Amino acid sequence: MALLDNLLAEITPEEQARTDRKMRIASIIADTLVEKGMAKKEFAQKVGRKPSEITKWLSETHNFTLDTITDIEQVLNIKLITDKRKTPAQKQVLGGLRA
């Protein structure tokens, strides 16, 4: 147990945040595949990848590129990355609606 404690103590908050994010993305993809009844093989074909690569994606340690995330979002019709900030134009429209 001391070895595990030592390893965990060496993980920085940044590394933990990255790992958590990778695990969350993989979980969302896996859950979405189940919800849509889509097999990994079918998903692989739709995103133009090999089934073995999809298995790596779902391992919860894969470091996704933005291009890959965009492809996944389009195929599964989901958003893995969202920007909750408002652009100046959105703020102006929303501000006008509050009147």
Foldseek 3Di string as FASTA:
>chain_A
DVVVVVVVVPQDPVNVVQLVLLQVLLVVLVVLCVVVVHDLCRLCVQLVHHSVVNVVSNVSPDDDDPVSQVSSCVVSVHHSDDDPDDDPVRCVVVVVVVD
